[in-house]
Amino acid sequence: MKKHLISVQSGDWYDESNDDKSMAYAKECGIEALDFNIDHVLEPLKLAEGVKFPVCDLPLDQFVAHFAPLKEASEKYNIAIGQMHAPFPVFIPGKDDINDYIHEVLVKIIATCAYVGCPALVIHPYVRESNYEKAIEYNLAIYRRLIPAAKKYKVTICLENLFNSSKECIFTNARDAAAFIDRLNSEAGEDVFGFCFDLGHANLLRLNVREFIKTLGKRLTVLHIHDNNGNGDAHLCPYTQTDNWGTKHTTDWDAFIGGLCDIGYEGTLSFETFKALKFMPRDVEKEALQLIVAIGRYFRRRIEE
């Protein structure tokens, strides 16, 4: 896959029932790659309440074939599937049967990634455990089970820097995240785990973005680029949020770009900006997507100059 493709998350504007139409629209907007939200196939919390998701009950080959229209449209319009968003959460304490089912679906999704040419799947860690050691053990168990599928299908499983109600998470420390990934890859015997750096989440926690990226180094596989005011996870278009009466941006965009340059980042520039579209009048949605793509091109010029 060509490096630094401009990617946009499929949330809110992509119609999963009509991949051809959606991909044609993406092409018109200048989108070069897609962060595909495959989380629509399964909502684990509703599953735990007894809601059925028939597609997930299909045998692996039929589940994968369900996404043939996505693969065909991707190839027809030359729009890569740069990464996918897995269902969330992937672990519910005390629900072993549900967790086993979620794992089976994740394996099917990993196979689907390989089928459509998607190199990376973002699977959110479990962050609702305040005890650090327990949180590590929970997450090791979740990701270890996926090693055989990741190796078989050659898909990189990516952790992400999330946050909980107290704005803390085991993967908001770059050194801890790097060590966790290295441990899993050592157990796997090859590099099948990486990291998805979410810039908006980092901004909420006031992290040193450039240092975080430099610490991750080559472990950084994919990105979630979006803006917020430092208080809420708004998922807005870059350069739209300011403080101090509009005199400076709340996100340090220069540090972000500098960090990517420092490590020679080669992945897609993927925007997780669905809320920037959600509250925008539909009449200007296309222009909003084109603006996001234009910012991506600006980032690319600065990274590649």
Protein backbone atom coordinates (compact mmCIF):
# COMPACT_ATOMS: atom_id res chain seq x y z
CA MET A 1 0.00 0.00 0.00
CA LYS A 2 1.35 3.43 -0.94
CA LYS A 3 2.41 5.44 2.11
CA HIS A 4 0.64 8.53 3.40
CA LEU A 5 -2.67 7.94 1.63
CA ILE A 6 -5.37 10.34 2.83
CA SER A 7 -7.90 8.27 4.75
CA VAL A 8 -11.25 9.12 6.36
CA GLN A 9 -13.28 7.03 8.80
CA SER A 10 -16.48 5.67 7.24
CA GLY A 11 -18.63 6.71 10.19
CA ASP A 12 -21.72 8.82 9.44
CA TRP A 13 -21.26 9.36 5.70
CA TYR A 14 -20.66 5.82 4.36
CA ASP A 15 -23.64 3.62 3.45
CA GLU A 16 -22.66 0.01 4.20
CA SER A 17 -25.66 -1.22 2.18
CA ASN A 18 -24.28 0.33 -1.01
CA ASP A 19 -20.50 0.07 -1.17
CA ASP A 20 -20.28 1.06 -4.82
CA LYS A 21 -22.19 4.30 -4.31
CA SER A 22 -20.23 5.12 -1.16
CA MET A 23 -16.86 4.47 -2.77
CA ALA A 24 -17.80 6.55 -5.81
CA TYR A 25 -18.70 9.39 -3.45
CA ALA A 26 -15.42 8.96 -1.59
CA LYS A 27 -13.56 9.22 -4.91
CA GLU A 28 -15.37 12.46 -5.73
CA CYS A 29 -14.26 13.86 -2.36
CA GLY A 30 -10.61 12.97 -3.00
CA ILE A 31 -10.45 10.23 -0.36
CA GLU A 32 -7.65 7.76 -1.11
CA ALA A 33 -8.15 5.21 1.67
CA LEU A 34 -10.81 4.21 4.14
CA ASP A 35 -10.92 3.52 7.86
CA PHE A 36 -13.82 1.10 7.61
CA ASN A 37 -16.12 0.81 10.61
CA ILE A 38 -16.86 -2.90 10.65
CA ASP A 39 -18.23 -2.45 14.17
CA HIS A 40 -21.72 -2.21 12.66
CA VAL A 41 -21.85 -6.02 12.39
CA LEU A 42 -21.79 -6.53 16.17
CA GLU A 43 -22.64 -4.44 19.22
CA PRO A 44 -21.33 -6.49 22.18
CA LEU A 45 -23.31 -4.69 24.89
CA LYS A 46 -26.56 -5.34 23.01
CA LEU A 47 -25.43 -8.92 22.42
CA ALA A 48 -25.12 -9.33 26.19
CA GLU A 49 -28.73 -8.16 26.47
CA GLY A 50 -29.90 -10.87 24.08
CA VAL A 51 -29.94 -8.99 20.79
CA LYS A 52 -29.00 -11.20 17.81
CA PHE A 53 -26.60 -10.31 15.02
CA PRO A 54 -27.28 -12.87 12.27
CA VAL A 55 -24.31 -11.97 10.05
CA CYS A 56 -21.95 -12.94 12.86
CA ASP A 57 -23.45 -16.44 13.00
CA LEU A 58 -22.39 -17.17 9.42
CA PRO A 59 -19.55 -19.64 8.88
CA LEU A 60 -16.21 -17.92 8.31
CA ASP A 61 -16.23 -18.27 4.53
CA GLN A 62 -19.76 -16.89 4.24
CA PHE A 63 -19.01 -14.06 6.68
CA VAL A 64 -16.01 -13.03 4.59
CA ALA A 65 -18.00 -13.32 1.35
CA HIS A 66 -20.54 -10.91 2.84
CA PHE A 67 -17.94 -8.20 2.23
CA ALA A 68 -17.36 -9.00 -1.44
CA PRO A 69 -19.12 -5.75 -2.50
CA LEU A 70 -16.71 -3.77 -0.30
CA LYS A 71 -13.70 -5.46 -1.89
CA GLU A 72 -15.08 -4.95 -5.41
CA ALA A 73 -15.83 -1.27 -4.83
CA SER A 74 -12.43 -0.70 -3.23
CA GLU A 75 -10.69 -2.14 -6.28
CA LYS A 76 -13.01 -0.45 -8.78
CA TYR A 77 -12.39 3.05 -7.41
CA ASN A 78 -8.79 2.40 -6.29
CA ILE A 79 -9.54 3.32 -2.70
CA ALA A 80 -7.56 1.26 -0.21
CA ILE A 81 -8.97 -0.11 3.04
CA GLY A 82 -6.17 1.22 5.22
CA GLN A 83 -7.57 0.02 8.54
CA MET A 84 -10.73 -1.24 10.19
CA HIS A 85 -12.52 -0.43 13.44
CA ALA A 86 -13.45 -3.59 15.36
CA PRO A 87 -16.59 -3.87 17.54
CA PHE A 88 -16.34 -2.38 21.02
CA PRO A 89 -16.01 -3.48 23.76
CA VAL A 90 -14.34 -6.83 23.12
CA PHE A 91 -14.46 -7.90 26.75
CA ILE A 92 -17.31 -7.90 29.27
CA PRO A 93 -16.34 -9.01 32.82
CA GLY A 94 -18.15 -12.12 34.02
CA LYS A 95 -19.57 -12.93 30.58
CA ASP A 96 -17.32 -15.74 29.40
CA ASP A 97 -19.81 -17.04 26.83
CA ILE A 98 -20.24 -13.56 25.35
CA ASN A 99 -16.47 -12.99 25.32
CA ASP A 100 -15.91 -16.29 23.51
CA TYR A 101 -18.49 -15.28 20.90
CA ILE A 102 -16.87 -11.87 20.46
CA HIS A 103 -13.51 -13.57 19.97
CA GLU A 104 -14.96 -15.81 17.25
CA VAL A 105 -16.34 -12.75 15.47
CA LEU A 106 -12.99 -10.96 15.75
CA VAL A 107 -11.29 -13.91 14.05
CA LYS A 108 -13.83 -13.64 11.21
CA ILE A 109 -13.14 -9.92 10.96
CA ILE A 110 -9.37 -10.51 10.83
CA ALA A 111 -9.96 -12.93 7.94
CA THR A 112 -12.13 -10.28 6.28
CA CYS A 113 -9.32 -7.73 6.61
CA ALA A 114 -7.03 -10.06 4.69
CA TYR A 115 -9.72 -10.65 2.07
CA VAL A 116 -10.24 -6.92 1.32
CA GLY A 117 -6.53 -6.09 1.56
CA CYS A 118 -6.75 -4.25 4.87
CA PRO A 119 -3.41 -4.47 6.75
CA ALA A 120 -4.53 -3.35 10.21
CA LEU A 121 -7.43 -3.86 12.63
CA VAL A 122 -7.88 -1.52 15.60
CA ILE A 123 -9.17 -3.46 18.61
CA HIS A 124 -9.74 -1.26 21.63
CA PRO A 125 -8.21 -2.46 24.90
CA TYR A 126 -10.25 -3.04 28.02
CA VAL A 127 -9.86 0.08 30.19
CA ARG A 128 -12.53 -0.30 32.88
CA GLU A 129 -10.20 -1.88 35.41
CA SER A 130 -8.54 0.54 37.81
CA ASN A 131 -5.94 -1.94 39.08
CA TYR A 132 -2.98 -1.70 36.69
CA GLU A 133 -1.80 -5.30 37.03
CA LYS A 134 -5.31 -6.69 36.53
CA ALA A 135 -5.82 -4.43 33.51
CA ILE A 136 -2.62 -5.75 31.96
CA GLU A 137 -3.67 -9.37 32.57
CA TYR A 138 -7.14 -8.81 31.12
CA ASN A 139 -5.68 -7.28 27.98
CA LEU A 140 -2.95 -9.86 27.60
CA ALA A 141 -5.65 -12.54 27.63
CA ILE A 142 -7.73 -10.68 25.02
CA TYR A 143 -4.88 -10.12 22.58
CA ARG A 144 -3.05 -13.42 23.10
CA ARG A 145 -6.08 -15.32 21.82
CA LEU A 146 -5.82 -13.39 18.55
CA ILE A 147 -2.19 -14.28 17.82
CA PRO A 148 -2.97 -17.38 15.68
CA ALA A 149 -5.44 -15.47 13.50
CA ALA A 150 -3.17 -12.43 13.17
CA LYS A 151 -0.28 -14.66 12.07
CA LYS A 152 -2.41 -16.72 9.71
CA TYR A 153 -3.96 -13.75 7.93
CA LYS A 154 -1.00 -11.36 8.20
CA VAL A 155 -3.07 -8.58 9.76
CA THR A 156 -1.60 -6.22 12.37
CA ILE A 157 -3.73 -5.92 15.51
CA CYS A 158 -3.52 -2.38 16.88
CA LEU A 159 -4.04 -1.19 20.44
CA GLU A 160 -5.21 2.38 20.99
CA ASN A 161 -4.68 5.05 23.62
CA LEU A 162 -8.14 5.32 25.13
CA PHE A 163 -9.30 6.96 28.34
CA ASN A 164 -11.85 6.09 31.02
CA SER A 165 -14.10 8.27 33.16
CA SER A 166 -11.13 9.51 35.17
CA LYS A 167 -9.16 10.16 31.94
CA GLU A 168 -6.69 7.40 32.71
CA CYS A 169 -5.75 4.28 30.80
CA ILE A 170 -2.96 1.72 30.78
CA PHE A 171 -1.99 2.73 27.25
CA THR A 172 -1.72 6.49 27.77
CA ASN A 173 1.89 5.95 28.79
CA ALA A 174 3.97 5.43 25.66
CA ARG A 175 6.65 3.32 27.36
CA ASP A 176 4.02 0.99 28.84
CA ALA A 177 2.31 0.70 25.46
CA ALA A 178 5.59 -0.04 23.70
CA ALA A 179 6.53 -2.67 26.28
CA PHE A 180 3.11 -4.33 26.00
CA ILE A 181 3.34 -4.51 22.21
CA ASP A 182 6.90 -5.86 22.37
CA ARG A 183 5.82 -8.52 24.84
CA LEU A 184 2.98 -9.70 22.60
CA ASN A 185 5.15 -9.71 19.49
CA SER A 186 7.81 -11.68 21.33
CA GLU A 187 5.22 -14.27 22.30
CA ALA A 188 3.91 -14.35 18.73
CA GLY A 189 7.39 -14.78 17.30
CA GLU A 190 6.78 -12.01 14.78
CA ASP A 191 5.42 -8.47 14.63
CA VAL A 192 1.64 -8.86 14.48
CA PHE A 193 0.78 -6.13 17.01
CA GLY A 194 1.11 -2.39 16.60
CA PHE A 195 -0.36 0.84 17.87
CA CYS A 196 -3.10 3.20 16.75
CA PHE A 197 -2.24 6.67 18.01
CA ASP A 198 -5.39 8.68 18.67
CA LEU A 199 -4.41 12.34 18.63
CA GLY A 200 -7.72 13.55 20.05
CA HIS A 201 -7.45 11.24 23.06
CA ALA A 202 -3.85 12.36 23.59
CA ASN A 203 -5.00 15.97 23.54
CA LEU A 204 -7.62 15.29 26.21
CA LEU A 205 -4.90 13.95 28.50
CA ARG A 206 -2.46 16.76 27.65
CA LEU A 207 0.15 14.24 26.56
CA ASN A 208 3.43 15.27 24.96
CA VAL A 209 2.43 14.21 21.46
CA ARG A 210 5.85 14.35 19.85
CA GLU A 211 7.54 12.36 22.61
CA PHE A 212 4.72 9.80 22.63
CA ILE A 213 5.12 9.20 18.90
CA LYS A 214 8.93 9.04 19.15
CA THR A 215 8.68 6.47 21.94
CA LEU A 216 6.34 4.30 19.87
CA GLY A 217 8.66 4.50 16.88
CA LYS A 218 8.03 1.79 14.29
CA ARG A 219 5.32 0.30 16.49
CA LEU A 220 3.06 3.15 15.32
CA THR A 221 0.96 1.50 12.62
CA VAL A 222 -2.12 3.68 12.08
CA LEU A 223 -3.56 7.02 13.21
CA HIS A 224 -6.82 8.55 14.40
CA ILE A 225 -6.52 12.25 13.60
CA HIS A 226 -9.14 14.63 14.99
CA ASP A 227 -9.53 17.77 17.06
CA ASN A 228 -11.21 18.74 20.33
CA ASN A 229 -11.17 21.55 22.88
CA GLY A 230 -9.29 19.52 25.47
CA ASN A 231 -12.43 18.71 27.46
CA GLY A 232 -14.58 16.37 25.37
CA ASP A 233 -13.89 13.67 22.77
CA ALA A 234 -15.45 15.71 19.96
CA HIS A 235 -13.84 14.12 16.85
CA LEU A 236 -13.81 17.36 14.90
CA CYS A 237 -11.89 18.64 11.89
CA PRO A 238 -8.27 19.68 12.58
CA TYR A 239 -7.52 23.35 13.20
CA THR A 240 -11.09 24.13 14.31
CA GLN A 241 -10.58 24.21 18.09
CA THR A 242 -8.83 27.07 19.88
CA ASP A 243 -8.44 28.52 23.35
CA ASN A 244 -7.28 31.80 24.92
CA TRP A 245 -9.85 33.74 22.90
CA GLY A 246 -8.79 32.05 19.70
CA THR A 247 -5.11 32.91 19.89
CA LYS A 248 -3.82 29.33 19.73
CA HIS A 249 -4.99 25.86 18.80
CA THR A 250 -5.83 23.40 21.56
CA THR A 251 -4.03 20.62 19.65
CA ASP A 252 -0.30 20.95 18.97
CA TRP A 253 -0.37 20.17 15.27
CA ASP A 254 3.29 21.03 14.71
CA ALA A 255 4.33 18.55 17.41
CA PHE A 256 2.15 15.88 15.80
CA ILE A 257 3.64 16.42 12.36
CA GLY A 258 7.13 16.62 13.84
CA GLY A 259 6.67 13.31 15.60
CA LEU A 260 5.65 11.59 12.39
CA CYS A 261 8.73 13.03 10.68
CA ASP A 262 10.96 11.92 13.56
CA ILE A 263 10.06 8.25 13.15
CA GLY A 264 9.67 8.18 9.37
CA TYR A 265 5.99 7.23 9.65
CA GLU A 266 4.83 5.45 6.48
CA GLY A 267 1.18 4.65 7.15
CA THR A 268 -1.98 6.37 6.05
CA LEU A 269 -3.05 9.77 7.34
CA SER A 270 -6.42 8.73 8.69
CA PHE A 271 -9.02 11.17 10.00
CA GLU A 272 -11.53 10.04 12.62
CA THR A 273 -13.70 13.12 12.12
CA PHE A 274 -17.20 11.67 11.99
CA LYS A 275 -18.70 14.22 14.38
CA ALA A 276 -17.43 17.04 12.18
CA LEU A 277 -19.90 15.68 9.65
CA LYS A 278 -22.64 14.55 12.02
CA PHE A 279 -23.56 18.10 13.01
CA MET A 280 -22.87 19.66 9.63
CA PRO A 281 -25.77 20.41 7.24
CA ARG A 282 -25.96 17.58 4.71
CA ASP A 283 -25.89 20.14 1.92
CA VAL A 284 -22.25 20.91 2.68
CA GLU A 285 -21.11 17.41 3.69
CA LYS A 286 -19.14 16.92 0.48
CA GLU A 287 -17.29 20.19 0.95
CA ALA A 288 -16.55 19.24 4.57
CA LEU A 289 -15.02 15.94 3.45
CA GLN A 290 -13.01 17.76 0.80
CA LEU A 291 -11.69 20.13 3.47
CA ILE A 292 -10.57 17.17 5.60
CA VAL A 293 -8.83 15.69 2.57
CA ALA A 294 -7.15 19.05 1.84
CA ILE A 295 -5.77 19.13 5.39
CA GLY A 296 -4.49 15.60 4.86
CA ARG A 297 -2.66 16.75 1.75
CA TYR A 298 -1.16 19.61 3.74
CA PHE A 299 0.08 17.14 6.37
CA ARG A 300 1.52 14.93 3.64
CA ARG A 301 3.43 17.80 2.06
CA ARG A 302 5.00 18.70 5.39
CA ILE A 303 5.90 15.09 6.18
CA GLU A 304 7.37 14.36 2.77
CA GLU A 305 9.13 17.67 2.12
